[in-house]
Every structure is written in C-alpha cells, then in structure tokens.
Amino acid sequence: MAITKEQRRLRIRRGIRNKVSGTAERPRLSVFKSNKAIYVQLIDDASGNTLASTSSAELGTATVNISLSKEVGKKLAEKASANGISSVVFDRGGYPYHGKIKALAEGAREGGLKF
C-alpha cells in the first residue's frame, strides 16, 4: 500500500521531534500549517507549557501567503522578546523548509529570534 503525503509528513515530524526539544531558556518554535491558516508556538518541553503563540488568524486575513507568513514570524518574535526569549530551536513540523515555512522563519529572524 502506498504511503500518503500526510503519512510521510507525520513520519518526518516524528523524526524531528525525537531530535528537537525545547527548554525554558531555548524553547521549541513549533509550526503547524492548515489549508486556512498557519500557527506558531513557543513551547517549553521540559514543563509542557506554551510560552507564546500566534497565527495568521490573529492577523485577520482569510488567505495565507508568503508575505503573511513572514508577518506571523515577526509577530511571534515580538511576543517572544516581550517574554524575554531571544533564542529558539526550530521545529518545522515535517513540512519542507520552503515557501511559507521559510518565510515564517525569516520573519522570526528579522524580528530578533536566533535559531
């Protein structure tokens, strides 16, 4: 039986999660992309808490494109700096580092986060 695109992404995601873990000093920047929005969280895996989160739905637009993904990254960087976070570990959630995911990462870097 052939593997679906969703199963492939989940397999890659599990591999990434086995290698990447966030702490209070350096949280994990987790990305989830749906058909309607893109969501980002800063997670402390040691305590299981979400430290900051944002999404394209918060910005109030219906469609997600590369420029909006960059804005979401910048907004998350603002929230992170307000919480005293400057360094993160990037978890792309099994998505290829291309297009919207890459734009989000670049926006977060422009906002002041270090990967």
N, C-alpha and C. Protein backbone atom coordinates (compact mmCIF):
# COMPACT_ATOMS: atom_id res chain seq x y z
N MET A 1 0.83 -1.17 0.00
CA MET A 1 0.00 0.00 0.00
C MET A 1 0.89 1.25 0.00
N ALA A 2 0.52 2.20 -0.81
CA ALA A 2 1.32 3.42 -0.96
C ALA A 2 1.14 4.33 0.25
N ILE A 3 2.21 5.01 0.59
CA ILE A 3 2.18 5.95 1.70
C ILE A 3 1.61 7.28 1.19
N THR A 4 0.73 7.91 1.98
CA THR A 4 0.14 9.17 1.57
C THR A 4 1.05 10.33 1.96
N LYS A 5 0.75 11.49 1.43
CA LYS A 5 1.53 12.68 1.74
C LYS A 5 1.44 13.01 3.24
N GLU A 6 0.25 12.83 3.81
CA GLU A 6 0.05 13.10 5.24
C GLU A 6 0.87 12.13 6.09
N GLN A 7 0.87 10.85 5.73
CA GLN A 7 1.65 9.86 6.48
C GLN A 7 3.14 10.15 6.38
N ARG A 8 3.60 10.58 5.22
CA ARG A 8 5.00 10.92 5.03
C ARG A 8 5.40 12.09 5.92
N ARG A 9 4.57 13.13 5.97
CA ARG A 9 4.85 14.29 6.79
C ARG A 9 4.89 13.92 8.27
N LEU A 10 3.97 13.07 8.70
CA LEU A 10 3.95 12.66 10.10
C LEU A 10 5.17 11.82 10.47
N ARG A 11 5.64 11.01 9.55
CA ARG A 11 6.86 10.22 9.80
C ARG A 11 8.06 11.15 9.95
N ILE A 12 8.18 12.14 9.08
CA ILE A 12 9.27 13.11 9.17
C ILE A 12 9.15 13.90 10.47
N ARG A 13 7.92 14.27 10.84
CA ARG A 13 7.67 15.04 12.05
C ARG A 13 8.13 14.29 13.29
N ARG A 14 7.84 12.99 13.34
CA ARG A 14 8.27 12.18 14.49
C ARG A 14 9.80 12.14 14.59
N GLY A 15 10.47 12.06 13.45
CA GLY A 15 11.93 12.07 13.45
C GLY A 15 12.50 13.37 13.97
N ILE A 16 11.88 14.47 13.58
CA ILE A 16 12.32 15.78 14.05
C ILE A 16 12.09 15.91 15.55
N ARG A 17 10.93 15.46 16.02
CA ARG A 17 10.61 15.58 17.45
C ARG A 17 11.51 14.71 18.32
N ASN A 18 12.05 13.62 17.77
CA ASN A 18 12.99 12.81 18.53
C ASN A 18 14.31 13.53 18.73
N LYS A 19 14.63 14.46 17.86
CA LYS A 19 15.91 15.17 17.91
C LYS A 19 15.80 16.55 18.54
N VAL A 20 14.64 17.19 18.44
CA VAL A 20 14.48 18.58 18.87
C VAL A 20 13.62 18.65 20.12
N SER A 21 14.14 19.35 21.13
CA SER A 21 13.38 19.55 22.36
C SER A 21 13.65 20.96 22.87
N GLY A 22 12.64 21.58 23.44
CA GLY A 22 12.76 22.95 23.92
C GLY A 22 12.89 23.02 25.42
N THR A 23 13.58 24.05 25.90
CA THR A 23 13.71 24.31 27.33
C THR A 23 13.16 25.70 27.62
N ALA A 24 13.17 26.09 28.89
CA ALA A 24 12.67 27.42 29.25
C ALA A 24 13.58 28.50 28.67
N GLU A 25 14.91 28.24 28.62
CA GLU A 25 15.84 29.23 28.09
C GLU A 25 15.82 29.26 26.56
N ARG A 26 15.64 28.09 25.95
CA ARG A 26 15.63 27.98 24.49
C ARG A 26 14.44 27.12 24.07
N PRO A 27 13.24 27.72 23.97
CA PRO A 27 12.04 26.95 23.65
C PRO A 27 12.01 26.48 22.19
N ARG A 28 11.10 25.54 21.94
CA ARG A 28 10.92 25.00 20.60
C ARG A 28 9.89 25.85 19.86
N LEU A 29 10.25 26.32 18.67
CA LEU A 29 9.32 27.07 17.82
C LEU A 29 8.64 26.05 16.92
N SER A 30 7.39 25.73 17.23
CA SER A 30 6.65 24.70 16.53
C SER A 30 5.70 25.33 15.51
N VAL A 31 5.67 24.75 14.30
CA VAL A 31 4.87 25.29 13.20
C VAL A 31 3.81 24.26 12.80
N PHE A 32 2.57 24.74 12.59
CA PHE A 32 1.52 23.91 12.01
C PHE A 32 0.86 24.72 10.91
N LYS A 33 0.66 24.09 9.78
CA LYS A 33 0.09 24.75 8.62
C LYS A 33 -1.18 24.01 8.22
N SER A 34 -2.30 24.72 8.15
CA SER A 34 -3.54 24.14 7.64
C SER A 34 -3.87 24.77 6.30
N ASN A 35 -4.99 24.40 5.74
CA ASN A 35 -5.40 24.99 4.47
C ASN A 35 -5.82 26.45 4.62
N LYS A 36 -6.21 26.85 5.83
CA LYS A 36 -6.72 28.19 6.04
C LYS A 36 -5.79 29.11 6.81
N ALA A 37 -4.88 28.55 7.60
CA ALA A 37 -4.04 29.40 8.45
C ALA A 37 -2.71 28.73 8.73
N ILE A 38 -1.80 29.51 9.32
CA ILE A 38 -0.51 28.98 9.78
C ILE A 38 -0.39 29.38 11.25
N TYR A 39 -0.01 28.42 12.08
CA TYR A 39 0.04 28.59 13.52
C TYR A 39 1.47 28.36 14.01
N VAL A 40 1.90 29.17 15.00
CA VAL A 40 3.25 29.02 15.55
C VAL A 40 3.16 29.12 17.07
N GLN A 41 3.96 28.29 17.75
CA GLN A 41 4.00 28.31 19.21
C GLN A 41 5.44 28.23 19.68
N LEU A 42 5.72 28.83 20.82
CA LEU A 42 6.97 28.63 21.52
C LEU A 42 6.66 27.74 22.71
N ILE A 43 7.28 26.56 22.74
CA ILE A 43 6.93 25.53 23.71
C ILE A 43 8.13 25.17 24.57
N ASP A 44 7.93 25.12 25.89
CA ASP A 44 8.91 24.61 26.83
C ASP A 44 8.57 23.14 27.06
N ASP A 45 9.32 22.23 26.43
CA ASP A 45 9.01 20.81 26.53
C ASP A 45 9.31 20.23 27.91
N ALA A 46 10.22 20.86 28.65
CA ALA A 46 10.57 20.35 29.97
C ALA A 46 9.37 20.43 30.92
N SER A 47 8.63 21.53 30.86
CA SER A 47 7.46 21.68 31.73
C SER A 47 6.14 21.47 30.99
N GLY A 48 6.19 21.40 29.66
CA GLY A 48 4.97 21.18 28.88
C GLY A 48 4.11 22.41 28.73
N ASN A 49 4.72 23.60 28.78
CA ASN A 49 3.96 24.85 28.69
C ASN A 49 4.20 25.55 27.37
N THR A 50 3.14 26.21 26.88
CA THR A 50 3.27 27.08 25.72
C THR A 50 3.58 28.48 26.24
N LEU A 51 4.70 29.04 25.81
CA LEU A 51 5.16 30.34 26.30
C LEU A 51 4.59 31.50 25.50
N ALA A 52 4.42 31.30 24.19
CA ALA A 52 3.85 32.33 23.32
C ALA A 52 3.30 31.65 22.08
N SER A 53 2.28 32.22 21.50
CA SER A 53 1.73 31.67 20.27
C SER A 53 1.10 32.77 19.45
N THR A 54 1.02 32.52 18.16
CA THR A 54 0.35 33.44 17.25
C THR A 54 -0.05 32.66 16.00
N SER A 55 -0.90 33.27 15.20
CA SER A 55 -1.34 32.61 13.97
C SER A 55 -1.75 33.67 12.95
N SER A 56 -1.94 33.22 11.74
CA SER A 56 -2.40 34.14 10.70
C SER A 56 -3.85 34.54 10.95
N ALA A 57 -4.60 33.72 11.68
CA ALA A 57 -5.98 34.05 12.01
C ALA A 57 -6.03 35.28 12.93
N GLU A 58 -5.02 35.44 13.79
CA GLU A 58 -4.95 36.63 14.66
C GLU A 58 -4.77 37.91 13.86
N LEU A 59 -4.08 37.79 12.72
CA LEU A 59 -3.84 38.97 11.89
C LEU A 59 -5.06 39.35 11.06
N GLY A 60 -6.06 38.46 11.01
CA GLY A 60 -7.34 38.80 10.43
C GLY A 60 -7.47 38.68 8.93
N THR A 61 -6.64 37.89 8.27
CA THR A 61 -6.79 37.70 6.84
C THR A 61 -7.24 36.28 6.55
N ALA A 62 -7.90 36.13 5.41
CA ALA A 62 -8.50 34.84 5.09
C ALA A 62 -7.54 33.88 4.39
N THR A 63 -6.63 34.42 3.60
CA THR A 63 -5.72 33.55 2.86
C THR A 63 -4.29 33.69 3.39
N VAL A 64 -3.57 32.61 3.36
CA VAL A 64 -2.18 32.61 3.83
C VAL A 64 -1.27 32.60 2.62
N ASN A 65 -0.36 33.56 2.57
CA ASN A 65 0.65 33.58 1.53
C ASN A 65 2.01 33.82 2.16
N ILE A 66 3.03 33.96 1.36
CA ILE A 66 4.39 34.07 1.88
C ILE A 66 4.57 35.35 2.69
N SER A 67 4.03 36.46 2.22
CA SER A 67 4.20 37.72 2.95
C SER A 67 3.48 37.68 4.31
N LEU A 68 2.33 37.05 4.36
CA LEU A 68 1.60 36.91 5.62
C LEU A 68 2.35 35.99 6.58
N SER A 69 2.97 34.94 6.05
CA SER A 69 3.76 34.04 6.89
C SER A 69 4.92 34.79 7.53
N LYS A 70 5.53 35.68 6.78
CA LYS A 70 6.64 36.49 7.31
C LYS A 70 6.14 37.39 8.44
N GLU A 71 4.96 37.97 8.27
CA GLU A 71 4.38 38.82 9.31
C GLU A 71 4.08 38.02 10.58
N VAL A 72 3.62 36.78 10.43
CA VAL A 72 3.35 35.92 11.58
C VAL A 72 4.65 35.66 12.33
N GLY A 73 5.74 35.42 11.61
CA GLY A 73 7.04 35.22 12.23
C GLY A 73 7.50 36.45 13.00
N LYS A 74 7.30 37.62 12.44
CA LYS A 74 7.68 38.87 13.11
C LYS A 74 6.85 39.08 14.37
N LYS A 75 5.54 38.78 14.28
CA LYS A 75 4.66 38.94 15.44
C LYS A 75 5.07 38.01 16.57
N LEU A 76 5.44 36.76 16.23
CA LEU A 76 5.90 35.83 17.25
C LEU A 76 7.19 36.31 17.89
N ALA A 77 8.09 36.88 17.10
CA ALA A 77 9.35 37.41 17.63
C ALA A 77 9.08 38.56 18.61
N GLU A 78 8.08 39.39 18.32
CA GLU A 78 7.71 40.47 19.25
C GLU A 78 7.22 39.90 20.57
N LYS A 79 6.35 38.89 20.51
CA LYS A 79 5.83 38.27 21.72
C LYS A 79 6.94 37.58 22.50
N ALA A 80 7.88 36.96 21.78
CA ALA A 80 8.99 36.28 22.44
C ALA A 80 9.89 37.28 23.17
N SER A 81 10.19 38.40 22.52
CA SER A 81 11.04 39.39 23.16
C SER A 81 10.35 40.02 24.37
N ALA A 82 9.03 40.13 24.34
CA ALA A 82 8.29 40.62 25.49
C ALA A 82 8.38 39.64 26.67
N ASN A 83 8.54 38.33 26.36
CA ASN A 83 8.69 37.32 27.40
C ASN A 83 10.14 37.06 27.76
N GLY A 84 11.07 37.80 27.14
CA GLY A 84 12.48 37.65 27.44
C GLY A 84 13.14 36.47 26.75
N ILE A 85 12.61 36.05 25.60
CA ILE A 85 13.16 34.93 24.85
C ILE A 85 13.88 35.48 23.62
N SER A 86 15.14 35.07 23.43
CA SER A 86 15.89 35.55 22.28
C SER A 86 16.40 34.42 21.40
N SER A 87 16.44 33.20 21.93
CA SER A 87 16.99 32.06 21.19
C SER A 87 15.99 30.91 21.22
N VAL A 88 15.78 30.27 20.06
CA VAL A 88 14.81 29.17 19.97
C VAL A 88 15.39 28.02 19.16
N VAL A 89 14.71 26.87 19.23
CA VAL A 89 15.00 25.71 18.40
C VAL A 89 13.86 25.59 17.42
N PHE A 90 14.15 25.47 16.13
CA PHE A 90 13.12 25.47 15.09
C PHE A 90 12.61 24.07 14.82
N ASP A 91 11.30 23.88 14.93
CA ASP A 91 10.63 22.61 14.62
C ASP A 91 9.67 22.88 13.47
N ARG A 92 10.03 22.48 12.27
CA ARG A 92 9.23 22.79 11.08
C ARG A 92 8.03 21.88 10.93
N GLY A 93 7.82 20.95 11.84
CA GLY A 93 6.62 20.11 11.86
C GLY A 93 6.51 19.13 10.71
N GLY A 94 7.62 18.77 10.10
CA GLY A 94 7.60 17.82 8.99
C GLY A 94 7.37 18.46 7.64
N TYR A 95 7.15 19.76 7.60
CA TYR A 95 6.97 20.46 6.34
C TYR A 95 8.34 20.77 5.73
N PRO A 96 8.45 20.80 4.41
CA PRO A 96 9.72 21.17 3.80
C PRO A 96 10.08 22.62 4.14
N TYR A 97 11.36 22.89 4.32
CA TYR A 97 11.81 24.25 4.60
C TYR A 97 11.82 25.02 3.27
N HIS A 98 10.63 25.48 2.90
CA HIS A 98 10.44 26.10 1.60
C HIS A 98 9.15 26.91 1.66
N GLY A 99 9.07 27.97 0.91
CA GLY A 99 7.83 28.73 0.79
C GLY A 99 7.40 29.39 2.09
N LYS A 100 6.21 29.05 2.57
CA LYS A 100 5.62 29.69 3.75
C LYS A 100 6.41 29.41 5.02
N ILE A 101 6.94 28.20 5.16
CA ILE A 101 7.72 27.84 6.35
C ILE A 101 9.02 28.64 6.38
N LYS A 102 9.67 28.75 5.24
CA LYS A 102 10.91 29.51 5.14
C LYS A 102 10.65 30.99 5.41
N ALA A 103 9.56 31.53 4.88
CA ALA A 103 9.21 32.94 5.10
C ALA A 103 8.93 33.20 6.57
N LEU A 104 8.25 32.27 7.23
CA LEU A 104 7.97 32.41 8.65
C LEU A 104 9.27 32.45 9.46
N ALA A 105 10.21 31.55 9.13
CA ALA A 105 11.49 31.51 9.82
C ALA A 105 12.28 32.80 9.59
N GLU A 106 12.28 33.30 8.37
CA GLU A 106 12.99 34.54 8.06
C GLU A 106 12.36 35.72 8.80
N GLY A 107 11.03 35.74 8.89
CA GLY A 107 10.36 36.80 9.63
C GLY A 107 10.71 36.78 11.11
N ALA A 108 10.79 35.58 11.68
CA ALA A 108 11.17 35.45 13.09
C ALA A 108 12.61 35.90 13.29
N ARG A 109 13.49 35.57 12.35
CA ARG A 109 14.88 36.02 12.45
C ARG A 109 14.98 37.54 12.35
N GLU A 110 14.20 38.12 11.43
CA GLU A 110 14.19 39.58 11.29
C GLU A 110 13.66 40.25 12.56
N GLY A 111 12.74 39.57 13.24
CA GLY A 111 12.19 40.11 14.49
C GLY A 111 13.14 40.00 15.66
N GLY A 112 14.24 39.25 15.51
CA GLY A 112 15.23 39.18 16.57
C GLY A 112 15.46 37.83 17.19
N LEU A 113 14.75 36.80 16.73
CA LEU A 113 14.97 35.46 17.28
C LEU A 113 16.20 34.83 16.64
N LYS A 114 16.94 34.07 17.43
CA LYS A 114 18.11 33.36 16.93
C LYS A 114 17.83 31.87 16.92
N PHE A 115 18.09 31.22 15.79
CA PHE A 115 17.89 29.77 15.67
C PHE A 115 19.23 29.09 15.78
